[in-house]
Protein backbone atom coordinates (compact mmCIF):
# COMPACT_ATOMS: atom_id res chain seq x y z
CA MET A 1 -31.70 -44.23 50.64
CA THR A 2 -28.72 -47.05 50.29
CA ASP A 3 -27.96 -45.27 46.71
CA THR A 4 -28.04 -41.92 48.26
CA SER A 5 -25.52 -42.94 51.15
CA ARG A 6 -23.38 -44.58 48.52
CA THR A 7 -23.24 -41.63 46.06
CA THR A 8 -22.57 -39.45 49.19
CA SER A 9 -19.72 -41.81 50.46
CA TYR A 10 -18.36 -41.56 46.94
CA LEU A 11 -18.36 -37.57 46.51
CA GLN A 12 -16.56 -37.83 49.84
CA SER A 13 -13.89 -40.07 49.06
CA GLU A 14 -10.41 -39.38 48.11
CA GLU A 15 -10.82 -40.99 44.34
CA ALA A 16 -13.39 -38.59 43.61
CA ALA A 17 -11.69 -35.38 45.02
CA ARG A 18 -8.61 -36.37 42.96
CA ARG A 19 -10.31 -36.57 39.95
CA VAL A 20 -12.31 -33.31 40.59
CA LYS A 21 -8.68 -31.64 41.62
CA LYS A 22 -7.49 -33.39 38.29
CA ARG A 23 -10.08 -31.88 35.90
CA TYR A 24 -9.58 -28.33 37.29
CA ALA A 25 -5.62 -28.45 36.74
CA ALA A 26 -6.45 -29.59 33.32
CA GLU A 27 -8.84 -26.63 32.46
CA LYS A 28 -6.10 -24.20 34.23
CA ARG A 29 -3.47 -25.72 31.95
CA PHE A 30 -5.75 -25.44 28.79
CA ARG A 31 -6.31 -21.40 29.99
CA PHE A 32 -2.56 -21.12 30.22
CA TYR A 33 -1.61 -22.73 26.82
CA GLY A 34 -4.27 -20.06 25.12
CA LEU A 35 -2.93 -17.30 26.83
CA ALA A 36 0.22 -18.73 25.90
CA MET A 37 -0.28 -18.90 22.20
CA ILE A 38 -1.87 -15.35 22.01
CA SER A 39 1.35 -13.93 23.79
CA ILE A 40 3.39 -15.30 21.48
CA GLY A 41 1.21 -14.27 18.51
CA LEU A 42 1.39 -10.67 20.25
CA ILE A 43 4.99 -10.74 20.50
CA PHE A 44 5.41 -11.91 17.07
CA LEU A 45 2.83 -8.83 15.97
CA ALA A 46 4.91 -6.59 18.05
CA ILE A 47 8.24 -7.51 16.42
CA LEU A 48 6.79 -7.30 12.99
CA PHE A 49 5.27 -3.87 13.53
CA TYR A 50 8.08 -2.50 14.82
CA THR A 51 10.78 -4.18 12.39
CA ILE A 52 8.32 -2.47 9.55
CA ILE A 53 8.20 0.95 11.51
CA SER A 54 11.55 1.28 12.56
CA ALA A 55 12.88 0.91 8.80
CA GLY A 56 9.87 2.86 7.76
CA LEU A 57 10.30 5.83 9.53
CA LEU A 58 13.33 6.59 7.56
CA GLY A 59 11.59 6.05 4.19
CA PHE A 60 9.45 9.28 5.05
CA GLN A 61 12.59 11.22 5.33
CA SER A 62 15.13 12.43 2.38
CA SER A 63 18.48 13.64 2.31
CA GLN A 64 18.99 17.33 1.21
CA ILE A 65 21.77 19.40 0.66
CA LYS A 66 21.06 23.53 0.57
CA VAL A 67 22.82 25.37 -2.16
CA GLN A 68 23.01 28.83 -3.47
CA VAL A 69 22.18 28.82 -6.89
CA PRO A 70 22.07 31.90 -9.29
CA LEU A 71 18.92 31.71 -11.30
CA THR A 72 20.20 34.53 -13.48
CA ALA A 73 18.94 35.00 -17.65
CA GLU A 74 22.43 34.07 -18.29
CA ASN A 75 22.62 31.29 -16.95
CA LEU A 76 19.21 29.86 -17.50
CA GLY A 77 19.11 30.99 -21.12
CA ILE A 78 15.61 32.88 -20.50
CA GLU A 79 14.57 36.54 -19.73
CA PRO A 80 12.64 37.29 -16.91
CA GLY A 81 8.65 37.03 -17.49
CA ALA A 82 9.73 34.22 -20.05
CA SER A 83 6.72 31.65 -20.82
CA ARG A 84 5.82 28.46 -19.13
CA GLU A 85 6.62 26.44 -22.42
CA ASP A 86 10.50 28.37 -22.19
CA ILE A 87 11.11 27.32 -18.95
CA GLU A 88 10.17 23.85 -19.50
CA ALA A 89 12.36 23.92 -22.94
CA ILE A 90 15.47 24.59 -20.40
CA SER A 91 17.82 21.85 -20.60
CA GLY A 92 17.93 19.62 -17.87
CA PHE A 93 21.89 19.12 -18.27
CA LYS A 94 22.13 22.98 -17.89
CA LEU A 95 20.28 23.10 -14.56
CA THR A 96 22.26 20.06 -13.16
CA LYS A 97 25.36 21.97 -13.89
CA LEU A 98 24.53 25.12 -12.59
CA ALA A 99 23.54 23.30 -9.32
CA ARG A 100 26.88 21.24 -9.16
CA ALA A 101 28.61 24.86 -10.08
CA SER A 102 26.85 26.21 -6.84
CA LEU A 103 27.84 23.32 -4.72
CA HIS A 104 31.85 23.55 -6.02
CA THR A 105 31.46 27.36 -5.33
CA TYR A 106 30.52 27.06 -1.52
CA LEU A 107 32.75 24.00 -1.19
CA GLY A 108 35.93 26.49 -2.77
CA LEU A 109 36.94 23.93 -5.62
CA ALA A 110 38.98 25.43 -8.30
CA ASP A 111 38.33 25.18 -11.60
CA GLY A 112 41.36 23.07 -12.62
CA ASP A 113 40.48 20.24 -9.72
CA ARG A 114 38.77 18.17 -11.80
CA ASP A 115 38.99 14.96 -9.72
CA ALA A 116 37.44 17.37 -6.75
CA ARG A 117 34.64 18.61 -8.85
CA ALA A 118 33.96 15.26 -9.70
CA ARG A 119 33.77 13.89 -6.47
CA SER A 120 31.36 16.57 -4.93
CA ASP A 121 28.99 16.08 -8.08
CA GLY A 122 28.23 12.62 -6.09
CA LEU A 123 26.89 14.55 -3.40
CA LEU A 124 23.62 15.80 -5.26
CA SER A 125 21.24 13.67 -6.91
CA ASN A 126 20.71 13.26 -10.72
CA GLY A 127 17.15 14.56 -10.19
CA VAL A 128 18.08 18.36 -9.21
CA ASP A 129 17.51 19.38 -12.67
CA THR A 130 13.65 18.80 -11.92
CA GLN A 131 13.48 20.15 -8.78
CA LEU A 132 15.30 23.49 -10.06
CA ARG A 133 12.72 23.33 -13.27
CA ASP A 134 9.56 22.70 -10.74
CA LEU A 135 10.73 25.74 -8.49
CA ILE A 136 11.23 28.12 -11.42
CA LEU A 137 7.78 27.08 -12.88
CA ASP A 138 6.08 27.61 -9.33
CA ASP A 139 7.58 30.91 -8.95
CA PRO A 140 8.57 32.52 -12.13
CA ALA A 141 9.54 35.91 -10.66
CA ILE A 142 12.49 34.27 -9.09
CA ILE A 143 14.46 34.36 -12.50
CA GLY A 144 17.24 36.63 -12.66
CA SER A 145 17.72 36.28 -8.65
CA THR A 146 19.85 34.11 -6.49
CA VAL A 147 18.09 31.88 -4.44
CA ASP A 148 19.11 29.34 -1.23
CA VAL A 149 17.25 25.98 -2.72
CA TRP A 150 17.01 22.64 -0.82
CA LEU A 151 18.14 20.26 -3.47
CA MET A 152 17.96 16.17 -3.03
CA ALA A 153 21.27 14.71 -2.11
CA HIS A 154 22.54 11.38 -3.99
CA GLY A 155 21.36 8.35 -2.82
CA ASN A 156 24.80 7.40 -1.44
CA VAL A 157 24.63 10.18 1.12
CA ASP A 158 21.42 9.13 2.35
CA PRO A 159 22.57 6.25 4.81
CA PHE A 160 25.13 8.30 6.24
CA LEU A 161 22.89 11.36 7.41
CA LYS A 162 20.22 8.51 8.51
CA ARG A 163 23.48 6.86 10.64
CA GLN A 164 22.72 3.39 8.44
CA ILE A 165 26.29 3.00 7.51
CA SER A 166 29.35 2.95 9.89
CA ARG A 167 31.97 5.39 9.01
CA ASP A 168 34.58 3.20 10.53
CA LEU A 169 34.40 1.03 7.21
CA PRO A 170 37.34 1.07 5.14
CA GLU A 171 37.36 3.62 2.67
CA GLU A 172 37.09 1.27 -0.23
CA ARG A 173 34.00 -0.38 1.67
CA ARG A 174 31.85 3.10 1.64
CA LEU A 175 29.86 5.00 -0.78
CA LEU A 176 31.75 7.96 -0.14
CA ASN A 177 35.18 8.50 0.54
CA ASP A 178 36.94 10.31 3.16
CA GLN A 179 37.04 13.66 1.23
CA GLN A 180 33.13 13.38 0.44
CA LEU A 181 32.41 12.75 3.94
CA GLY A 182 34.25 15.73 5.02
CA TRP A 183 32.50 18.14 2.89
CA LEU A 184 29.56 16.44 4.24
CA ASP A 185 30.31 16.85 7.60
CA ARG A 186 30.94 20.41 6.95
CA LEU A 187 27.56 21.09 4.93
CA ALA A 188 25.76 19.60 8.05
CA ALA A 189 27.58 22.16 10.51
CA ASP A 190 26.47 25.02 8.33
CA ASP A 191 22.66 23.62 8.79
CA ARG A 192 23.11 22.66 4.78
CA ALA A 193 23.04 19.29 5.11
CA ALA A 194 19.70 17.39 6.78
CA LEU A 195 16.83 15.07 6.85
CA LYS A 196 13.36 16.68 5.28
CA PHE A 197 10.22 15.09 4.84
CA ASN A 198 10.09 13.13 1.66
CA THR A 199 7.80 14.66 -0.71
CA ASN A 200 9.22 12.56 -3.75
CA LEU A 201 7.36 9.08 -1.89
CA PHE A 202 3.68 10.72 -2.61
CA LYS A 203 4.42 12.41 -6.06
CA MET A 204 6.94 10.34 -8.16
CA GLY A 205 6.74 7.16 -9.98
CA ALA A 206 9.69 4.26 -10.33
CA SER A 207 13.26 5.04 -10.65
CA ALA A 208 16.45 3.38 -10.20
CA ASP A 209 17.66 6.32 -7.71
CA PRO A 210 16.17 5.61 -4.06
CA GLU A 211 15.95 9.60 -3.97
CA LEU A 212 13.64 9.98 -6.80
CA ALA A 213 11.28 6.91 -6.21
CA GLY A 214 8.00 7.25 -4.76
CA VAL A 215 4.31 5.54 -4.81
CA ALA A 216 2.42 7.83 -6.60
CA VAL A 217 1.99 5.72 -9.55
CA GLY A 218 1.29 2.60 -7.53
CA LEU A 219 -1.32 4.48 -5.04
CA ILE A 220 -3.36 6.00 -7.87
CA GLY A 221 -3.06 2.83 -9.85
CA SER A 222 -4.37 0.80 -6.70
CA PHE A 223 -7.32 3.33 -6.67
CA PHE A 224 -8.42 3.17 -9.96
CA MET A 225 -8.52 -0.75 -9.48
CA MET A 226 -10.55 -0.61 -6.11
CA VAL A 227 -13.21 1.86 -8.13
CA LEU A 228 -13.40 -0.77 -10.94
CA VAL A 229 -13.74 -3.49 -8.08
CA VAL A 230 -16.91 -1.74 -6.32
CA VAL A 231 -18.38 -0.68 -9.83
CA ILE A 232 -18.04 -4.50 -11.04
CA ALA A 233 -18.47 -6.77 -7.70
CA LEU A 234 -20.69 -5.22 -6.01
CA PRO A 235 -24.05 -4.90 -8.28
CA ILE A 236 -23.14 -8.17 -9.77
CA GLY A 237 -22.01 -9.91 -6.45
CA VAL A 238 -25.55 -8.62 -4.82
CA GLY A 239 -27.61 -9.42 -7.74
CA ALA A 240 -26.16 -12.96 -8.06
CA ALA A 241 -26.73 -13.52 -4.13
CA ILE A 242 -30.15 -12.39 -4.21
CA TYR A 243 -31.37 -14.45 -7.07
CA LEU A 244 -29.35 -17.66 -5.71
CA GLU A 245 -30.90 -17.05 -2.10
CA GLU A 246 -34.51 -15.71 -3.07
CA PHE A 247 -35.50 -16.77 -6.76
CA ALA A 248 -33.28 -19.10 -8.09
CA PRO A 249 -35.16 -22.86 -8.00
CA LYS A 250 -33.74 -25.55 -5.83
CA ASN A 251 -32.07 -28.07 -8.56
CA LYS A 252 -28.88 -30.04 -9.47
CA LEU A 253 -27.87 -26.65 -11.80
CA THR A 254 -28.07 -24.13 -8.77
CA ASP A 255 -26.46 -26.76 -6.46
CA LEU A 256 -23.51 -26.83 -8.55
CA VAL A 257 -23.28 -23.26 -9.18
CA GLU A 258 -23.35 -22.94 -5.27
CA VAL A 259 -20.61 -24.88 -4.94
CA ASN A 260 -18.62 -23.48 -7.41
CA ILE A 261 -18.82 -19.87 -5.96
CA ASN A 262 -17.81 -21.73 -3.05
CA ASN A 263 -14.89 -23.45 -4.42
CA LEU A 264 -13.87 -20.32 -6.30
CA ALA A 265 -13.48 -18.40 -2.72
CA ALA A 266 -10.82 -20.90 -2.11
CA VAL A 267 -8.84 -20.43 -5.78
CA PRO A 268 -5.14 -19.04 -5.19
CA SER A 269 -5.26 -15.52 -6.73
CA ILE A 270 -2.56 -16.44 -9.05
CA VAL A 271 -5.09 -18.63 -11.05
CA PHE A 272 -7.32 -15.25 -11.73
CA GLY A 273 -4.12 -14.01 -12.91
CA ILE A 274 -3.47 -16.72 -15.50
CA LEU A 275 -7.51 -16.18 -16.25
CA GLY A 276 -6.98 -12.34 -16.92
CA LEU A 277 -3.87 -13.24 -18.90
CA ALA A 278 -5.79 -15.59 -21.09
CA ILE A 279 -8.70 -13.67 -21.49
CA PHE A 280 -8.20 -10.04 -21.21
CA ILE A 281 -5.12 -9.75 -22.64
CA ASN A 282 -4.37 -12.46 -24.97
CA LEU A 283 -8.16 -12.91 -26.27
CA LEU A 284 -9.50 -9.17 -25.94
CA GLU A 285 -6.02 -7.74 -26.34
CA MET A 286 -6.65 -5.18 -23.53
CA PRO A 287 -3.59 -3.02 -22.67
CA ARG A 288 -0.80 -4.59 -20.23
CA SER A 289 0.03 -2.62 -17.20
CA ALA A 290 -3.58 -1.04 -17.34
CA PRO A 291 -5.73 -0.65 -14.06
CA VAL A 292 -8.78 -1.56 -15.80
CA VAL A 293 -7.40 -5.26 -16.43
CA GLY A 294 -6.28 -5.25 -12.90
CA GLY A 295 -9.66 -4.21 -11.91
CA LEU A 296 -11.45 -6.62 -13.85
CA VAL A 297 -9.03 -9.53 -12.55
CA LEU A 298 -9.32 -8.13 -8.84
CA SER A 299 -13.17 -8.17 -9.47
CA LEU A 300 -13.49 -11.92 -10.33
CA MET A 301 -11.65 -12.52 -7.32
CA THR A 302 -13.53 -10.47 -5.43
CA LEU A 303 -17.05 -11.81 -6.48
CA PRO A 304 -17.11 -15.12 -4.48
CA THR A 305 -16.62 -13.41 -1.61
CA VAL A 306 -19.45 -10.85 -1.98
CA ILE A 307 -21.72 -13.47 -2.77
CA ILE A 308 -21.07 -15.53 0.17
CA ALA A 309 -21.14 -12.55 2.38
CA THR A 310 -24.27 -11.20 0.98
CA ARG A 311 -26.02 -14.62 1.06
CA SER A 312 -25.14 -14.78 4.60
CA ALA A 313 -26.79 -11.46 5.29
CA LEU A 314 -30.03 -12.17 3.75
CA ARG A 315 -30.18 -15.44 5.65
CA ALA A 316 -29.55 -13.12 8.62
CA VAL A 317 -32.97 -11.03 8.33
CA PRO A 318 -35.70 -12.69 10.40
CA PRO A 319 -38.14 -14.84 7.90
CA SER A 320 -41.04 -12.77 9.57
CA ILE A 321 -39.90 -9.23 7.93
CA LYS A 322 -40.30 -10.99 4.39
CA GLN A 323 -43.69 -12.72 5.62
CA ALA A 324 -45.26 -9.41 6.94
CA ALA A 325 -44.40 -7.54 3.82
CA LEU A 326 -45.82 -10.54 1.57
CA GLY A 327 -48.92 -10.50 4.03
CA VAL A 328 -49.85 -7.03 3.33
CA GLY A 329 -50.00 -7.26 -0.37
CA ALA A 330 -46.09 -6.41 -1.35
CA SER A 331 -44.94 -8.75 -4.16
CA LYS A 332 -41.99 -10.86 -3.61
CA MET A 333 -39.32 -8.27 -5.18
CA GLN A 334 -40.83 -5.54 -3.38
CA ALA A 335 -40.35 -7.30 0.02
CA ILE A 336 -36.89 -8.17 -0.71
CA PHE A 337 -35.85 -4.72 -1.99
CA HIS A 338 -37.61 -2.54 0.42
CA HIS A 339 -37.75 -4.87 3.38
CA VAL A 340 -34.91 -7.41 3.31
CA LEU A 341 -31.89 -5.96 1.37
CA PRO A 342 -31.93 -2.57 3.52
CA LEU A 343 -31.94 -4.37 6.63
CA ALA A 344 -29.02 -6.93 5.33
CA MET A 345 -27.01 -4.09 3.93
CA PRO A 346 -24.71 -3.77 6.66
CA GLY A 347 -23.26 -7.43 6.28
CA ILE A 348 -23.31 -6.67 2.44
CA LEU A 349 -21.15 -3.60 3.07
CA THR A 350 -19.14 -5.59 5.63
CA GLY A 351 -18.20 -8.19 3.27
CA LEU A 352 -17.46 -5.82 0.33
CA ILE A 353 -14.85 -3.94 2.37
CA ILE A 354 -13.29 -7.35 3.38
CA GLY A 355 -13.33 -8.49 -0.23
CA LEU A 356 -11.66 -4.98 -1.01
CA ALA A 357 -8.92 -4.92 1.23
CA HIS A 358 -8.27 -8.70 0.17
CA ALA A 359 -7.94 -7.38 -2.90
CA LEU A 360 -5.66 -4.35 -2.44
CA GLY A 361 -2.89 -6.55 -0.95
CA GLU A 362 -2.73 -8.91 -3.96
CA THR A 363 0.49 -8.99 -5.68
CA ALA A 364 0.49 -12.39 -8.00
CA PRO A 365 -2.36 -11.91 -10.34
CA LEU A 366 -1.30 -8.29 -11.18
CA ILE A 367 2.29 -10.01 -11.95
CA MET A 368 0.78 -12.34 -14.16
CA ILE A 369 -1.13 -9.10 -16.34
CA GLY A 370 2.43 -7.41 -16.45
CA MET A 371 2.00 -4.76 -13.52
CA VAL A 372 4.99 -5.44 -12.75
CA ALA A 373 6.62 -3.02 -15.32
CA ALA A 374 8.54 0.12 -13.89
CA VAL A 375 5.94 3.16 -15.09
CA PHE A 376 7.62 6.45 -14.19
CA ASP A 377 4.66 8.96 -15.32
CA ILE A 378 1.45 9.07 -13.50
CA PRO A 379 -1.55 7.68 -15.15
CA GLY A 380 -4.20 9.85 -15.81
CA GLY A 381 -6.70 7.24 -16.53
CA PRO A 382 -7.50 3.45 -16.14
CA LEU A 383 -6.38 2.62 -19.48
CA ASP A 384 -2.77 4.17 -19.06
CA PRO A 385 0.23 2.18 -17.75
CA ALA A 386 0.41 2.18 -14.13
CA THR A 387 1.40 -0.65 -10.98
CA ALA A 388 -0.09 -1.26 -7.86
CA LEU A 389 0.88 -0.64 -4.27
CA PRO A 390 1.68 -4.36 -3.34
CA VAL A 391 3.63 -4.72 -6.50
CA GLN A 392 5.59 -1.92 -6.01
CA ILE A 393 6.96 -3.14 -2.72
CA TYR A 394 7.51 -6.73 -4.51
CA MET A 395 9.96 -4.54 -6.96
CA TRP A 396 11.37 -2.23 -4.46
CA ALA A 397 12.30 -5.10 -2.03
CA GLY A 398 14.38 -6.86 -4.96
CA LEU A 399 16.48 -3.91 -5.45
CA PRO A 400 20.32 -3.77 -3.91
CA GLU A 401 20.57 -0.51 -3.23
CA ARG A 402 20.27 0.32 0.54
CA GLY A 403 17.95 3.44 0.01
CA PHE A 404 15.11 1.34 -1.30
CA VAL A 405 15.00 -0.82 2.19
CA ALA A 406 13.56 2.19 3.86
CA LEU A 407 11.43 2.62 1.13
CA THR A 408 10.06 -0.69 0.90
CA SER A 409 9.19 -0.32 4.77
CA ALA A 410 7.55 3.02 4.05
CA ALA A 411 5.26 1.70 1.56
CA ILE A 412 4.39 -1.32 3.74
CA MET A 413 3.56 1.30 6.17
CA ILE A 414 1.09 3.02 3.58
CA LEU A 415 -0.55 -0.48 2.97
CA LEU A 416 -1.11 -1.36 6.17
CA ALA A 417 -2.31 2.24 6.86
CA PHE A 418 -5.31 1.62 3.91
CA LEU A 419 -5.80 -2.01 5.23
CA LEU A 420 -6.63 -1.26 8.75
CA THR A 421 -8.48 1.84 7.67
CA MET A 422 -10.89 -0.59 5.51
CA ASN A 423 -11.17 -3.11 8.29
CA ALA A 424 -12.19 -0.17 10.96
CA THR A 425 -14.75 1.06 8.53
CA ALA A 426 -16.14 -2.35 8.14
CA VAL A 427 -16.44 -2.72 12.08
CA ILE A 428 -17.90 0.78 12.16
CA LEU A 429 -20.48 0.15 9.56
CA ARG A 430 -21.71 -3.39 11.10
CA LYS A 431 -21.60 -1.63 14.61
CA ARG A 432 -23.25 1.18 13.52
CA PHE A 433 -26.45 -0.36 11.52
CA GLU A 434 -26.21 -3.67 12.91
CA ARG A 435 -29.70 -4.67 14.09
CA ARG A 436 -30.38 -6.61 17.35
CA TRP A 437 -33.83 -9.48 16.67
């Protein structure tokens, strides 16, 4: 009774109340600090996304100028009904000159005013010849007629139509002079200068002109590399994990292998790039800037992730599943491949997709194997020169032209969309196939 009385007295004392209050206050402070850290992280994330999206949306738009181009047989040098080969043989200089002459006519520039004509030529992109040739190839029946066509504006026009540059700057500090701005205002007032969807972003390769640059080469190169990573990393990684987890003897050699696999998962990615440069390019003499080399390097980098995820998924399957299969007469291999592996597949797929997302965003190893080169033509296979989307972003970020700022952010948005899609797929697969034991 004496001990009970003392305990009750202590609990009712002011010192006990103070200590309890102090503990509750510490808990409230901890919760506040946690919420504050989460809030700060979300704020910085929101700022990051706002910065990228606000600049990237402009990258999905391109400045275009509408001109009336006479595609007569005399101007083109071919007759109606010409073959595809004849159309492709039209001189690019002739098509560019035809587009510029049409703009001169609209602006009312005299033949003798060479200075004004030269300044007006600066409103149209250097790639208008490709546009006109593609237009004729798509519809050869327009040969002999005059058509209104939206042509790409020069990269110097783009910042003014997108209101990225103030017109109040002194003329010597602007990309366009007062006369060119006047022509641009006249074209805009007549609905002949406007922002259109930037189709070049998805169908063009590298270019020094921002209005002609696109991510097509990077997207196709990344696609080829991801296919190679799946083909190589999935069977090898899953097979290695099954052997190490179920069949390998427990000795110093297997312990050494397991330690090294865990260590490889933490090795900087540029080390894999050096390995690929030494083995695949210098030793095996495989082509530089080829997606096949990039796929092999990224496969080596992804293998530890797949092996570790597969082993964790196999361990998550209750041992009773395998024991029950063995108890009814199945061999060890049958028990693993027919019972354990299907139940572990959600975790394996999740690990693979996470590894693919990691590989998709890598830049350093691809730079080491030469995929930083400017590639203009769309690759037709994994052996053709190509680049990757992260490398394309890296290259654009270092260019001085203002138009590449929006293109860089637009490419980042495309890459983030792929990464978010892959991570969402991993979550859906896990929720869809996950078993509760």
